[in-house]
Amino acid sequence: MTTAPKPDILAAFEAAKGFMPMNEGLALYAAAVGAARLGLPLLEVGTYCGRSTILLADAARAAGVTALTVDHHRGSEEQQPGWDYHDPETVDPELGVMDTLPAFRRTLHRARLEEHVVALVGRSPQIAKVWNSPLGLVFIDGGHTDEHAGADYEGWAPHVAVGGLLLIHDVFPEPADEFTGQAPYRVHLRALASGAFTEESVTDSLRVLRRTGAGI
């Protein structure tokens, strides 16, 4: 199985709303291809409009597994009105609140990947509490506060199968990046300190860790 997406998948990725740059996307795809060989679902926390989902879903499709997404689709802190990452096109015109679910569904439809994705719409901690199956990959890319990033780690990292991967996005070690990446950075350190994960690769702000044991 190739670790490079086909041109149509790359085009769909580039056309989708989102913030992940191409080099990190390629690293995500390569990790997903490898993790999918375990025969277990691949899950991302923090979906937004489905840019990264395209890559996970394509890797899942090739391996005959399912990609799962977890998001309430009301936008994280930095995507609300008045913040730098706010996109007015993602606001529900009737309710006046963020709703990225329609854009997400359009993204999957255009990429012809709908049948390979199960969207879990709700708060990450609530869904994690009722989840009881092992996962080949967990990609944490949700809220950037300690509360939300920590809850995503606590809720989903224990479900990564031994030999599976934990990916953490927007990891910025510099204190100047307190809002954008310090909470994911602290989660990254926490995962390494647990003894359950070892780091496999670093691509800019994306960290890929493999689960090698218990102890979370």
N, C-alpha and C. Protein backbone atom coordinates (compact mmCIF):
# COMPACT_ATOMS: atom_id res chain seq x y z
N MET A 1 0.84 -1.19 0.00
CA MET A 1 0.00 0.00 0.00
C MET A 1 0.88 1.25 0.00
N THR A 2 0.58 2.18 -0.90
CA THR A 2 1.37 3.40 -0.98
C THR A 2 1.15 4.29 0.24
N THR A 3 2.16 5.09 0.56
CA THR A 3 2.00 6.05 1.66
C THR A 3 1.85 7.47 1.14
N ALA A 4 1.56 7.60 -0.16
CA ALA A 4 1.30 8.91 -0.75
C ALA A 4 -0.12 8.92 -1.30
N PRO A 5 -0.91 9.93 -0.98
CA PRO A 5 -2.28 9.98 -1.50
C PRO A 5 -2.28 10.16 -3.01
N LYS A 6 -3.33 9.66 -3.65
CA LYS A 6 -3.49 9.86 -5.08
C LYS A 6 -3.82 11.32 -5.37
N PRO A 7 -3.59 11.76 -6.60
CA PRO A 7 -3.82 13.18 -6.94
C PRO A 7 -5.22 13.69 -6.62
N ASP A 8 -6.25 12.85 -6.80
CA ASP A 8 -7.61 13.32 -6.53
C ASP A 8 -7.82 13.56 -5.04
N ILE A 9 -7.18 12.75 -4.21
CA ILE A 9 -7.29 12.93 -2.75
C ILE A 9 -6.52 14.18 -2.33
N LEU A 10 -5.35 14.38 -2.88
CA LEU A 10 -4.59 15.60 -2.57
C LEU A 10 -5.36 16.84 -3.00
N ALA A 11 -6.01 16.78 -4.16
CA ALA A 11 -6.80 17.92 -4.64
C ALA A 11 -7.97 18.20 -3.72
N ALA A 12 -8.63 17.15 -3.26
CA ALA A 12 -9.75 17.32 -2.33
C ALA A 12 -9.28 17.91 -1.01
N PHE A 13 -8.12 17.44 -0.54
CA PHE A 13 -7.54 17.96 0.70
C PHE A 13 -7.24 19.45 0.57
N GLU A 14 -6.61 19.83 -0.53
CA GLU A 14 -6.27 21.24 -0.72
C GLU A 14 -7.50 22.12 -0.87
N ALA A 15 -8.58 21.59 -1.42
CA ALA A 15 -9.79 22.37 -1.66
C ALA A 15 -10.64 22.53 -0.41
N ALA A 16 -10.46 21.67 0.57
CA ALA A 16 -11.31 21.68 1.76
C ALA A 16 -10.93 22.80 2.71
N LYS A 17 -11.92 23.33 3.42
CA LYS A 17 -11.64 24.30 4.47
C LYS A 17 -10.83 23.62 5.57
N GLY A 18 -9.89 24.35 6.12
CA GLY A 18 -9.10 23.79 7.21
C GLY A 18 -7.76 24.46 7.32
N PHE A 19 -6.95 23.99 8.25
CA PHE A 19 -5.72 24.68 8.60
C PHE A 19 -4.48 23.81 8.48
N MET A 20 -4.64 22.51 8.25
CA MET A 20 -3.47 21.63 8.19
C MET A 20 -2.70 21.85 6.89
N PRO A 21 -1.41 22.15 6.98
CA PRO A 21 -0.60 22.32 5.77
C PRO A 21 -0.29 20.98 5.12
N MET A 22 0.15 21.04 3.88
CA MET A 22 0.36 19.82 3.09
C MET A 22 1.38 18.88 3.72
N ASN A 23 2.51 19.42 4.23
CA ASN A 23 3.55 18.52 4.74
C ASN A 23 3.05 17.73 5.95
N GLU A 24 2.27 18.37 6.81
CA GLU A 24 1.70 17.66 7.95
C GLU A 24 0.63 16.68 7.49
N GLY A 25 -0.13 17.07 6.46
CA GLY A 25 -1.13 16.17 5.92
C GLY A 25 -0.51 14.90 5.37
N LEU A 26 0.61 15.02 4.68
CA LEU A 26 1.28 13.85 4.14
C LEU A 26 1.80 12.94 5.26
N ALA A 27 2.27 13.55 6.34
CA ALA A 27 2.72 12.75 7.49
C ALA A 27 1.54 12.06 8.16
N LEU A 28 0.42 12.75 8.25
CA LEU A 28 -0.80 12.15 8.81
C LEU A 28 -1.22 10.96 7.96
N TYR A 29 -1.20 11.13 6.65
CA TYR A 29 -1.62 10.06 5.76
C TYR A 29 -0.72 8.84 5.90
N ALA A 30 0.58 9.06 5.92
CA ALA A 30 1.52 7.94 6.06
C ALA A 30 1.29 7.19 7.37
N ALA A 31 1.04 7.93 8.45
CA ALA A 31 0.78 7.30 9.74
C ALA A 31 -0.52 6.50 9.68
N ALA A 32 -1.54 7.07 9.04
CA ALA A 32 -2.84 6.40 8.95
C ALA A 32 -2.75 5.12 8.14
N VAL A 33 -1.98 5.15 7.05
CA VAL A 33 -1.79 3.95 6.23
C VAL A 33 -1.16 2.84 7.06
N GLY A 34 -0.14 3.19 7.83
CA GLY A 34 0.52 2.18 8.66
C GLY A 34 -0.39 1.66 9.76
N ALA A 35 -1.10 2.56 10.42
CA ALA A 35 -1.98 2.15 11.53
C ALA A 35 -3.15 1.32 11.03
N ALA A 36 -3.64 1.61 9.83
CA ALA A 36 -4.79 0.88 9.29
C ALA A 36 -4.49 -0.59 9.09
N ARG A 37 -3.23 -0.95 8.98
CA ARG A 37 -2.86 -2.36 8.80
C ARG A 37 -3.20 -3.21 10.02
N LEU A 38 -3.46 -2.56 11.16
CA LEU A 38 -3.89 -3.31 12.34
C LEU A 38 -5.31 -3.83 12.21
N GLY A 39 -6.04 -3.31 11.22
CA GLY A 39 -7.41 -3.75 11.02
C GLY A 39 -8.40 -3.14 11.98
N LEU A 40 -8.03 -2.02 12.60
CA LEU A 40 -8.88 -1.34 13.57
C LEU A 40 -9.26 0.04 13.05
N PRO A 41 -10.35 0.63 13.56
CA PRO A 41 -10.76 1.96 13.10
C PRO A 41 -9.71 3.03 13.41
N LEU A 42 -9.77 4.09 12.61
CA LEU A 42 -8.93 5.28 12.80
C LEU A 42 -9.84 6.40 13.25
N LEU A 43 -9.46 7.12 14.32
CA LEU A 43 -10.35 8.13 14.89
C LEU A 43 -9.65 9.46 15.03
N GLU A 44 -10.35 10.52 14.67
CA GLU A 44 -9.83 11.86 14.90
C GLU A 44 -10.77 12.61 15.84
N VAL A 45 -10.16 13.41 16.69
CA VAL A 45 -10.91 14.29 17.59
C VAL A 45 -10.67 15.72 17.12
N GLY A 46 -11.73 16.37 16.66
CA GLY A 46 -11.60 17.71 16.10
C GLY A 46 -11.65 17.62 14.58
N THR A 47 -12.82 17.82 14.03
CA THR A 47 -13.05 17.54 12.61
C THR A 47 -13.11 18.81 11.78
N TYR A 48 -13.66 19.88 12.34
CA TYR A 48 -13.90 21.14 11.64
C TYR A 48 -14.66 20.85 10.35
N CYS A 49 -14.10 21.12 9.19
CA CYS A 49 -14.82 20.92 7.92
C CYS A 49 -14.32 19.71 7.14
N GLY A 50 -13.49 18.87 7.77
CA GLY A 50 -13.15 17.60 7.17
C GLY A 50 -11.88 17.54 6.35
N ARG A 51 -11.04 18.56 6.44
CA ARG A 51 -9.81 18.55 5.64
C ARG A 51 -8.94 17.33 5.96
N SER A 52 -8.63 17.11 7.22
CA SER A 52 -7.80 15.96 7.58
C SER A 52 -8.57 14.65 7.47
N THR A 53 -9.90 14.72 7.60
CA THR A 53 -10.71 13.50 7.49
C THR A 53 -10.54 12.85 6.14
N ILE A 54 -10.36 13.64 5.10
CA ILE A 54 -10.15 13.10 3.76
C ILE A 54 -8.98 12.12 3.75
N LEU A 55 -7.90 12.47 4.40
CA LEU A 55 -6.71 11.63 4.41
C LEU A 55 -6.92 10.37 5.24
N LEU A 56 -7.54 10.53 6.40
CA LEU A 56 -7.82 9.36 7.23
C LEU A 56 -8.78 8.41 6.53
N ALA A 57 -9.80 8.97 5.90
CA ALA A 57 -10.82 8.15 5.24
C ALA A 57 -10.24 7.40 4.05
N ASP A 58 -9.36 8.04 3.31
CA ASP A 58 -8.76 7.36 2.16
C ASP A 58 -7.87 6.22 2.62
N ALA A 59 -7.10 6.44 3.68
CA ALA A 59 -6.27 5.36 4.23
C ALA A 59 -7.14 4.24 4.77
N ALA A 60 -8.24 4.60 5.42
CA ALA A 60 -9.17 3.60 5.95
C ALA A 60 -9.81 2.80 4.81
N ARG A 61 -10.23 3.49 3.77
CA ARG A 61 -10.85 2.82 2.62
C ARG A 61 -9.92 1.78 2.02
N ALA A 62 -8.67 2.14 1.84
CA ALA A 62 -7.71 1.23 1.22
C ALA A 62 -7.48 -0.02 2.05
N ALA A 63 -7.62 0.11 3.39
CA ALA A 63 -7.36 -1.02 4.28
C ALA A 63 -8.63 -1.76 4.67
N GLY A 64 -9.78 -1.26 4.25
CA GLY A 64 -11.04 -1.91 4.60
C GLY A 64 -11.48 -1.69 6.02
N VAL A 65 -11.04 -0.57 6.62
CA VAL A 65 -11.49 -0.22 7.97
C VAL A 65 -12.29 1.08 7.89
N THR A 66 -12.70 1.59 9.05
CA THR A 66 -13.55 2.77 9.10
C THR A 66 -12.82 3.94 9.74
N ALA A 67 -13.04 5.13 9.21
CA ALA A 67 -12.57 6.36 9.85
C ALA A 67 -13.69 6.94 10.68
N LEU A 68 -13.37 7.33 11.89
CA LEU A 68 -14.35 7.91 12.81
C LEU A 68 -13.94 9.34 13.13
N THR A 69 -14.92 10.23 13.22
CA THR A 69 -14.64 11.61 13.59
C THR A 69 -15.48 12.01 14.79
N VAL A 70 -14.88 12.77 15.69
CA VAL A 70 -15.56 13.24 16.89
C VAL A 70 -15.51 14.76 16.92
N ASP A 71 -16.66 15.40 16.91
CA ASP A 71 -16.72 16.86 16.95
C ASP A 71 -18.16 17.28 17.23
N HIS A 72 -18.30 18.35 18.03
CA HIS A 72 -19.65 18.90 18.23
C HIS A 72 -20.04 19.84 17.11
N HIS A 73 -19.09 20.22 16.30
CA HIS A 73 -19.29 21.07 15.11
C HIS A 73 -19.82 22.47 15.44
N ARG A 74 -19.58 22.92 16.65
CA ARG A 74 -19.90 24.30 17.02
C ARG A 74 -18.66 25.18 17.08
N GLY A 75 -17.53 24.61 16.67
CA GLY A 75 -16.30 25.39 16.61
C GLY A 75 -15.57 25.44 17.94
N SER A 76 -14.25 25.38 17.88
CA SER A 76 -13.45 25.53 19.10
C SER A 76 -13.26 27.00 19.40
N GLU A 77 -12.52 27.29 20.47
CA GLU A 77 -12.45 28.66 20.99
C GLU A 77 -11.99 29.67 19.94
N GLU A 78 -10.94 29.31 19.21
CA GLU A 78 -10.34 30.27 18.28
C GLU A 78 -11.15 30.45 17.00
N GLN A 79 -12.23 29.68 16.84
CA GLN A 79 -13.05 29.78 15.63
C GLN A 79 -14.34 30.58 15.85
N GLN A 80 -14.51 31.13 17.04
CA GLN A 80 -15.71 31.89 17.33
C GLN A 80 -15.59 33.32 16.79
N PRO A 81 -16.73 34.00 16.60
CA PRO A 81 -16.69 35.39 16.09
C PRO A 81 -15.75 36.26 16.92
N GLY A 82 -14.94 37.06 16.22
CA GLY A 82 -13.99 37.95 16.87
C GLY A 82 -12.61 37.38 16.99
N TRP A 83 -12.43 36.08 16.69
CA TRP A 83 -11.12 35.45 16.77
C TRP A 83 -10.51 35.32 15.38
N ASP A 84 -9.20 35.13 15.36
CA ASP A 84 -8.46 35.12 14.09
C ASP A 84 -8.92 34.03 13.13
N TYR A 85 -9.33 32.88 13.65
CA TYR A 85 -9.66 31.75 12.79
C TYR A 85 -11.15 31.61 12.53
N HIS A 86 -11.89 32.66 12.78
CA HIS A 86 -13.34 32.61 12.53
C HIS A 86 -13.62 32.74 11.04
N ASP A 87 -14.52 31.89 10.55
CA ASP A 87 -14.96 31.93 9.15
C ASP A 87 -16.47 32.15 9.15
N PRO A 88 -16.93 33.33 8.72
CA PRO A 88 -18.37 33.62 8.74
C PRO A 88 -19.20 32.63 7.93
N GLU A 89 -18.59 31.96 6.96
CA GLU A 89 -19.33 31.00 6.15
C GLU A 89 -19.74 29.76 6.94
N THR A 90 -19.15 29.56 8.11
CA THR A 90 -19.49 28.39 8.91
C THR A 90 -20.53 28.70 9.98
N VAL A 91 -21.12 29.87 9.94
CA VAL A 91 -22.14 30.25 10.92
C VAL A 91 -23.53 29.88 10.37
N ASP A 92 -24.33 29.24 11.20
CA ASP A 92 -25.72 28.93 10.84
C ASP A 92 -26.49 30.24 10.75
N PRO A 93 -27.04 30.60 9.58
CA PRO A 93 -27.68 31.91 9.44
C PRO A 93 -28.95 32.05 10.25
N GLU A 94 -29.59 30.95 10.59
CA GLU A 94 -30.82 31.01 11.37
C GLU A 94 -30.54 31.11 12.86
N LEU A 95 -29.59 30.32 13.34
CA LEU A 95 -29.30 30.28 14.77
C LEU A 95 -28.23 31.28 15.18
N GLY A 96 -27.37 31.68 14.22
CA GLY A 96 -26.30 32.61 14.55
C GLY A 96 -25.17 31.99 15.32
N VAL A 97 -25.01 30.66 15.23
CA VAL A 97 -23.92 29.96 15.93
C VAL A 97 -23.12 29.16 14.91
N MET A 98 -21.91 28.80 15.28
CA MET A 98 -21.07 27.99 14.41
C MET A 98 -21.73 26.63 14.14
N ASP A 99 -21.64 26.19 12.90
CA ASP A 99 -22.10 24.85 12.54
C ASP A 99 -21.28 24.39 11.34
N THR A 100 -20.24 23.62 11.61
CA THR A 100 -19.36 23.15 10.54
C THR A 100 -19.81 21.81 9.96
N LEU A 101 -20.89 21.24 10.50
CA LEU A 101 -21.33 19.93 10.01
C LEU A 101 -21.73 19.95 8.53
N PRO A 102 -22.49 20.95 8.06
CA PRO A 102 -22.81 20.95 6.63
C PRO A 102 -21.57 21.02 5.73
N ALA A 103 -20.60 21.84 6.09
CA ALA A 103 -19.37 21.93 5.30
C ALA A 103 -18.61 20.61 5.34
N PHE A 104 -18.59 19.97 6.49
CA PHE A 104 -17.94 18.67 6.63
C PHE A 104 -18.58 17.64 5.71
N ARG A 105 -19.89 17.61 5.67
CA ARG A 105 -20.58 16.63 4.82
C ARG A 105 -20.34 16.92 3.34
N ARG A 106 -20.29 18.20 2.99
CA ARG A 106 -19.99 18.54 1.60
C ARG A 106 -18.57 18.10 1.23
N THR A 107 -17.63 18.27 2.16
CA THR A 107 -16.25 17.85 1.92
C THR A 107 -16.17 16.36 1.60
N LEU A 108 -16.83 15.56 2.42
CA LEU A 108 -16.79 14.11 2.20
C LEU A 108 -17.50 13.71 0.91
N HIS A 109 -18.61 14.38 0.62
CA HIS A 109 -19.34 14.07 -0.60
C HIS A 109 -18.50 14.37 -1.84
N ARG A 110 -17.87 15.53 -1.84
CA ARG A 110 -17.04 15.91 -2.99
C ARG A 110 -15.86 14.96 -3.18
N ALA A 111 -15.34 14.45 -2.07
CA ALA A 111 -14.20 13.52 -2.14
C ALA A 111 -14.65 12.07 -2.35
N ARG A 112 -15.96 11.85 -2.37
CA ARG A 112 -16.54 10.51 -2.55
C ARG A 112 -16.06 9.54 -1.47
N LEU A 113 -16.10 10.02 -0.23
CA LEU A 113 -15.62 9.23 0.90
C LEU A 113 -16.67 9.03 1.98
N GLU A 114 -17.90 9.43 1.72
CA GLU A 114 -18.93 9.39 2.77
C GLU A 114 -19.11 8.01 3.38
N GLU A 115 -19.08 6.97 2.56
CA GLU A 115 -19.38 5.64 3.07
C GLU A 115 -18.25 5.05 3.92
N HIS A 116 -17.13 5.74 3.96
CA HIS A 116 -15.99 5.23 4.73
C HIS A 116 -15.79 5.96 6.05
N VAL A 117 -16.73 6.87 6.38
CA VAL A 117 -16.60 7.70 7.58
C VAL A 117 -17.86 7.59 8.43
N VAL A 118 -17.66 7.46 9.73
CA VAL A 118 -18.75 7.56 10.69
C VAL A 118 -18.51 8.81 11.52
N ALA A 119 -19.43 9.76 11.45
CA ALA A 119 -19.29 11.02 12.19
C ALA A 119 -20.01 10.90 13.53
N LEU A 120 -19.26 11.06 14.60
CA LEU A 120 -19.82 11.06 15.95
C LEU A 120 -19.96 12.52 16.37
N VAL A 121 -21.19 13.01 16.40
CA VAL A 121 -21.44 14.43 16.65
C VAL A 121 -21.79 14.62 18.12
N GLY A 122 -20.88 15.26 18.84
CA GLY A 122 -21.09 15.49 20.27
C GLY A 122 -19.79 15.90 20.92
N ARG A 123 -19.83 16.07 22.22
CA ARG A 123 -18.65 16.46 22.98
C ARG A 123 -17.72 15.27 23.17
N SER A 124 -16.46 15.50 22.94
CA SER A 124 -15.47 14.43 23.01
C SER A 124 -15.51 13.64 24.32
N PRO A 125 -15.52 14.27 25.50
CA PRO A 125 -15.54 13.48 26.74
C PRO A 125 -16.77 12.61 26.87
N GLN A 126 -17.92 13.09 26.41
CA GLN A 126 -19.15 12.30 26.51
C GLN A 126 -19.09 11.07 25.62
N ILE A 127 -18.58 11.24 24.41
CA ILE A 127 -18.49 10.10 23.50
C ILE A 127 -17.44 9.11 24.00
N ALA A 128 -16.32 9.63 24.49
CA ALA A 128 -15.25 8.75 24.98
C ALA A 128 -15.74 7.87 26.13
N LYS A 129 -16.62 8.40 26.95
CA LYS A 129 -17.11 7.63 28.11
C LYS A 129 -17.88 6.39 27.70
N VAL A 130 -18.51 6.41 26.55
CA VAL A 130 -19.32 5.26 26.13
C VAL A 130 -18.61 4.43 25.06
N TRP A 131 -17.38 4.80 24.73
CA TRP A 131 -16.61 4.06 23.73
C TRP A 131 -15.87 2.92 24.41
N ASN A 132 -15.93 1.72 23.84
CA ASN A 132 -15.27 0.59 24.50
C ASN A 132 -14.55 -0.35 23.54
N SER A 133 -14.13 0.17 22.38
CA SER A 133 -13.44 -0.66 21.40
C SER A 133 -12.03 -0.12 21.14
N PRO A 134 -11.09 -1.00 20.83
CA PRO A 134 -9.72 -0.55 20.53
C PRO A 134 -9.66 0.18 19.19
N LEU A 135 -8.69 1.08 19.07
CA LEU A 135 -8.51 1.89 17.88
C LEU A 135 -7.08 1.75 17.38
N GLY A 136 -6.94 1.76 16.06
CA GLY A 136 -5.60 1.67 15.49
C GLY A 136 -4.87 2.99 15.51
N LEU A 137 -5.64 4.07 15.53
CA LEU A 137 -5.05 5.42 15.51
C LEU A 137 -6.01 6.39 16.17
N VAL A 138 -5.49 7.27 16.98
CA VAL A 138 -6.22 8.40 17.52
C VAL A 138 -5.46 9.66 17.18
N PHE A 139 -6.14 10.59 16.53
CA PHE A 139 -5.55 11.86 16.11
C PHE A 139 -6.22 12.97 16.90
N ILE A 140 -5.47 13.59 17.82
CA ILE A 140 -6.03 14.65 18.67
C ILE A 140 -5.76 16.00 18.02
N ASP A 141 -6.85 16.65 17.61
CA ASP A 141 -6.75 17.94 16.92
C ASP A 141 -7.96 18.80 17.27
N GLY A 142 -8.31 18.79 18.56
CA GLY A 142 -9.49 19.53 19.00
C GLY A 142 -9.15 20.86 19.63
N GLY A 143 -9.83 21.17 20.74
CA GLY A 143 -9.63 22.45 21.42
C GLY A 143 -8.22 22.60 21.95
N HIS A 144 -7.78 23.87 22.06
CA HIS A 144 -6.40 24.16 22.42
C HIS A 144 -6.25 24.71 23.84
N THR A 145 -7.23 24.46 24.69
CA THR A 145 -7.07 24.78 26.11
C THR A 145 -6.62 23.51 26.83
N ASP A 146 -6.05 23.68 28.01
CA ASP A 146 -5.65 22.51 28.79
C ASP A 146 -6.86 21.63 29.12
N GLU A 147 -7.98 22.27 29.39
CA GLU A 147 -9.20 21.50 29.71
C GLU A 147 -9.58 20.57 28.56
N HIS A 148 -9.65 21.13 27.35
CA HIS A 148 -10.13 20.34 26.23
C HIS A 148 -9.07 19.37 25.70
N ALA A 149 -7.84 19.84 25.55
CA ALA A 149 -6.79 18.95 25.06
C ALA A 149 -6.53 17.82 26.06
N GLY A 150 -6.54 18.15 27.35
CA GLY A 150 -6.35 17.13 28.37
C GLY A 150 -7.47 16.11 28.39
N ALA A 151 -8.70 16.58 28.23
CA ALA A 151 -9.84 15.66 28.22
C ALA A 151 -9.81 14.75 27.00
N ASP A 152 -9.38 15.29 25.86
CA ASP A 152 -9.26 14.46 24.66
C ASP A 152 -8.24 13.34 24.88
N TYR A 153 -7.12 13.70 25.49
CA TYR A 153 -6.09 12.69 25.76
C TYR A 153 -6.60 11.64 26.75
N GLU A 154 -7.18 12.11 27.85
CA GLU A 154 -7.66 11.18 28.88
C GLU A 154 -8.77 10.27 28.35
N GLY A 155 -9.61 10.82 27.48
CA GLY A 155 -10.74 10.04 27.00
C GLY A 155 -10.38 9.03 25.93
N TRP A 156 -9.39 9.38 25.07
CA TRP A 156 -9.16 8.56 23.89
C TRP A 156 -7.84 7.81 23.87
N ALA A 157 -6.79 8.32 24.50
CA ALA A 157 -5.50 7.62 24.46
C ALA A 157 -5.58 6.20 25.01
N PRO A 158 -6.37 5.95 26.06
CA PRO A 158 -6.45 4.56 26.55
C PRO A 158 -7.02 3.58 25.55
N HIS A 159 -7.73 4.07 24.53
CA HIS A 159 -8.33 3.18 23.54
C HIS A 159 -7.38 2.84 22.39
N VAL A 160 -6.21 3.47 22.34
CA VAL A 160 -5.24 3.13 21.30
C VAL A 160 -4.69 1.74 21.58
N ALA A 161 -4.82 0.85 20.61
CA ALA A 161 -4.32 -0.51 20.79
C ALA A 161 -2.80 -0.52 20.87
N VAL A 162 -2.25 -1.48 21.59
CA VAL A 162 -0.80 -1.64 21.61
C VAL A 162 -0.33 -1.88 20.17
N GLY A 163 0.64 -1.10 19.75
CA GLY A 163 1.09 -1.12 18.36
C GLY A 163 0.44 -0.05 17.51
N GLY A 164 -0.63 0.55 18.04
CA GLY A 164 -1.32 1.63 17.35
C GLY A 164 -0.66 2.97 17.57
N LEU A 165 -1.22 4.00 16.95
CA LEU A 165 -0.61 5.32 16.96
C LEU A 165 -1.49 6.36 17.64
N LEU A 166 -0.82 7.27 18.35
CA LEU A 166 -1.43 8.48 18.89
C LEU A 166 -0.78 9.65 18.20
N LEU A 167 -1.58 10.46 17.52
CA LEU A 167 -1.08 11.65 16.83
C LEU A 167 -1.61 12.89 17.54
N ILE A 168 -0.75 13.87 17.72
CA ILE A 168 -1.14 15.12 18.37
C ILE A 168 -0.76 16.27 17.46
N HIS A 169 -1.72 17.11 17.15
CA HIS A 169 -1.48 18.22 16.23
C HIS A 169 -1.33 19.53 16.99
N ASP A 170 -0.68 20.49 16.36
CA ASP A 170 -0.47 21.84 16.90
C ASP A 170 0.34 21.81 18.20
N VAL A 171 1.42 21.04 18.16
CA VAL A 171 2.34 20.97 19.30
C VAL A 171 3.43 22.02 19.08
N PHE A 172 3.41 23.05 19.93
CA PHE A 172 4.39 24.13 19.84
C PHE A 172 5.07 24.30 21.20
N PRO A 173 6.33 23.95 21.31
CA PRO A 173 7.02 24.00 22.61
C PRO A 173 7.27 25.41 23.14
N GLU A 174 7.25 26.42 22.28
CA GLU A 174 7.62 27.76 22.72
C GLU A 174 6.52 28.41 23.54
N PRO A 175 6.85 29.00 24.70
CA PRO A 175 5.83 29.65 25.54
C PRO A 175 5.06 30.75 24.83
N ALA A 176 5.65 31.37 23.80
CA ALA A 176 4.95 32.42 23.06
C ALA A 176 3.71 31.89 22.36
N ASP A 177 3.66 30.57 22.17
CA ASP A 177 2.51 29.95 21.51
C ASP A 177 1.53 29.40 22.54
N GLU A 178 1.37 30.08 23.64
CA GLU A 178 0.56 29.58 24.75
C GLU A 178 -0.83 29.16 24.32
N PHE A 179 -1.51 30.00 23.52
CA PHE A 179 -2.88 29.64 23.15
C PHE A 179 -2.91 28.60 22.05
N THR A 180 -2.08 28.77 21.03
CA THR A 180 -2.21 27.91 19.87
C THR A 180 -1.63 26.51 20.06
N GLY A 181 -0.64 26.36 20.92
CA GLY A 181 -0.02 25.05 20.95
C GLY A 181 0.55 24.56 22.26
N GLN A 182 0.47 25.33 23.32
CA GLN A 182 1.06 24.88 24.58
C GLN A 182 0.26 23.77 25.24
N ALA A 183 -1.06 23.80 25.12
CA ALA A 183 -1.86 22.71 25.69
C ALA A 183 -1.59 21.40 24.96
N PRO A 184 -1.60 21.36 23.61
CA PRO A 184 -1.20 20.12 22.94
C PRO A 184 0.24 19.70 23.27
N TYR A 185 1.13 20.67 23.46
CA TYR A 185 2.50 20.34 23.84
C TYR A 185 2.53 19.65 25.20
N ARG A 186 1.75 20.15 26.13
CA ARG A 186 1.71 19.52 27.45
C ARG A 186 1.10 18.12 27.38
N VAL A 187 0.13 17.92 26.50
CA VAL A 187 -0.42 16.58 26.30
C VAL A 187 0.64 15.66 25.71
N HIS A 188 1.42 16.17 24.79
CA HIS A 188 2.50 15.40 24.19
C HIS A 188 3.50 14.95 25.26
N LEU A 189 3.89 15.86 26.12
CA LEU A 189 4.81 15.50 27.21
C LEU A 189 4.18 14.48 28.15
N ARG A 190 2.91 14.65 28.40
CA ARG A 190 2.19 13.73 29.30
C ARG A 190 2.17 12.32 28.71
N ALA A 191 1.93 12.22 27.41
CA ALA A 191 1.90 10.91 26.77
C ALA A 191 3.26 10.23 26.86
N LEU A 192 4.33 10.97 26.62
CA LEU A 192 5.66 10.40 26.72
C LEU A 192 5.99 9.99 28.15
N ALA A 193 5.57 10.82 29.11
CA ALA A 193 5.87 10.53 30.51
C ALA A 193 5.10 9.32 31.02
N SER A 194 4.01 8.96 30.38
CA SER A 194 3.20 7.84 30.82
C SER A 194 3.93 6.51 30.68
N GLY A 195 4.90 6.46 29.79
CA GLY A 195 5.59 5.21 29.52
C GLY A 195 4.87 4.30 28.55
N ALA A 196 3.67 4.71 28.15
CA ALA A 196 2.87 3.89 27.23
C ALA A 196 3.15 4.20 25.77
N PHE A 197 3.80 5.36 25.51
CA PHE A 197 4.01 5.80 24.13
C PHE A 197 5.48 6.15 23.90
N THR A 198 5.94 5.88 22.69
CA THR A 198 7.26 6.34 22.26
C THR A 198 7.08 7.15 20.99
N GLU A 199 7.90 8.18 20.86
CA GLU A 199 7.76 9.06 19.71
C GLU A 199 8.38 8.44 18.47
N GLU A 200 7.64 8.49 17.37
CA GLU A 200 8.11 7.94 16.10
C GLU A 200 8.55 9.00 15.12
N SER A 201 7.83 10.13 15.08
CA SER A 201 8.21 11.14 14.10
C SER A 201 7.68 12.50 14.52
N VAL A 202 8.34 13.54 13.97
CA VAL A 202 7.95 14.93 14.16
C VAL A 202 7.91 15.59 12.79
N THR A 203 6.78 16.17 12.45
CA THR A 203 6.65 16.95 11.22
C THR A 203 6.04 18.29 11.58
N ASP A 204 6.90 19.29 11.72
CA ASP A 204 6.46 20.61 12.19
C ASP A 204 5.66 20.45 13.47
N SER A 205 4.36 20.77 13.49
CA SER A 205 3.61 20.71 14.75
C SER A 205 2.93 19.37 14.97
N LEU A 206 3.15 18.40 14.10
CA LEU A 206 2.51 17.08 14.23
C LEU A 206 3.45 16.08 14.87
N ARG A 207 2.99 15.44 15.94
CA ARG A 207 3.75 14.41 16.63
C ARG A 207 3.07 13.06 16.44
N VAL A 208 3.86 12.05 16.10
CA VAL A 208 3.36 10.69 15.93
C VAL A 208 4.00 9.81 16.99
N LEU A 209 3.18 9.20 17.83
CA LEU A 209 3.65 8.36 18.92
C LEU A 209 3.04 6.97 18.76
N ARG A 210 3.82 5.94 19.09
CA ARG A 210 3.32 4.58 19.02
C ARG A 210 3.08 4.04 20.44
N ARG A 211 1.95 3.37 20.60
CA ARG A 211 1.70 2.76 21.92
C ARG A 211 2.49 1.47 22.03
N THR A 212 3.31 1.41 23.05
CA THR A 212 4.17 0.25 23.26
C THR A 212 3.84 -0.50 24.54
N GLY A 213 2.91 0.03 25.34
CA GLY A 213 2.57 -0.66 26.57
C GLY A 213 1.41 -0.02 27.27
N ALA A 214 1.16 -0.49 28.49
CA ALA A 214 0.07 0.04 29.32
C ALA A 214 0.57 1.25 30.08
N GLY A 215 -0.19 1.68 31.10
CA GLY A 215 0.29 2.71 32.00
C GLY A 215 -0.28 4.09 31.79
N ILE A 216 -1.30 4.22 30.97
CA ILE A 216 -1.89 5.56 30.78
C ILE A 216 -2.70 5.93 32.01
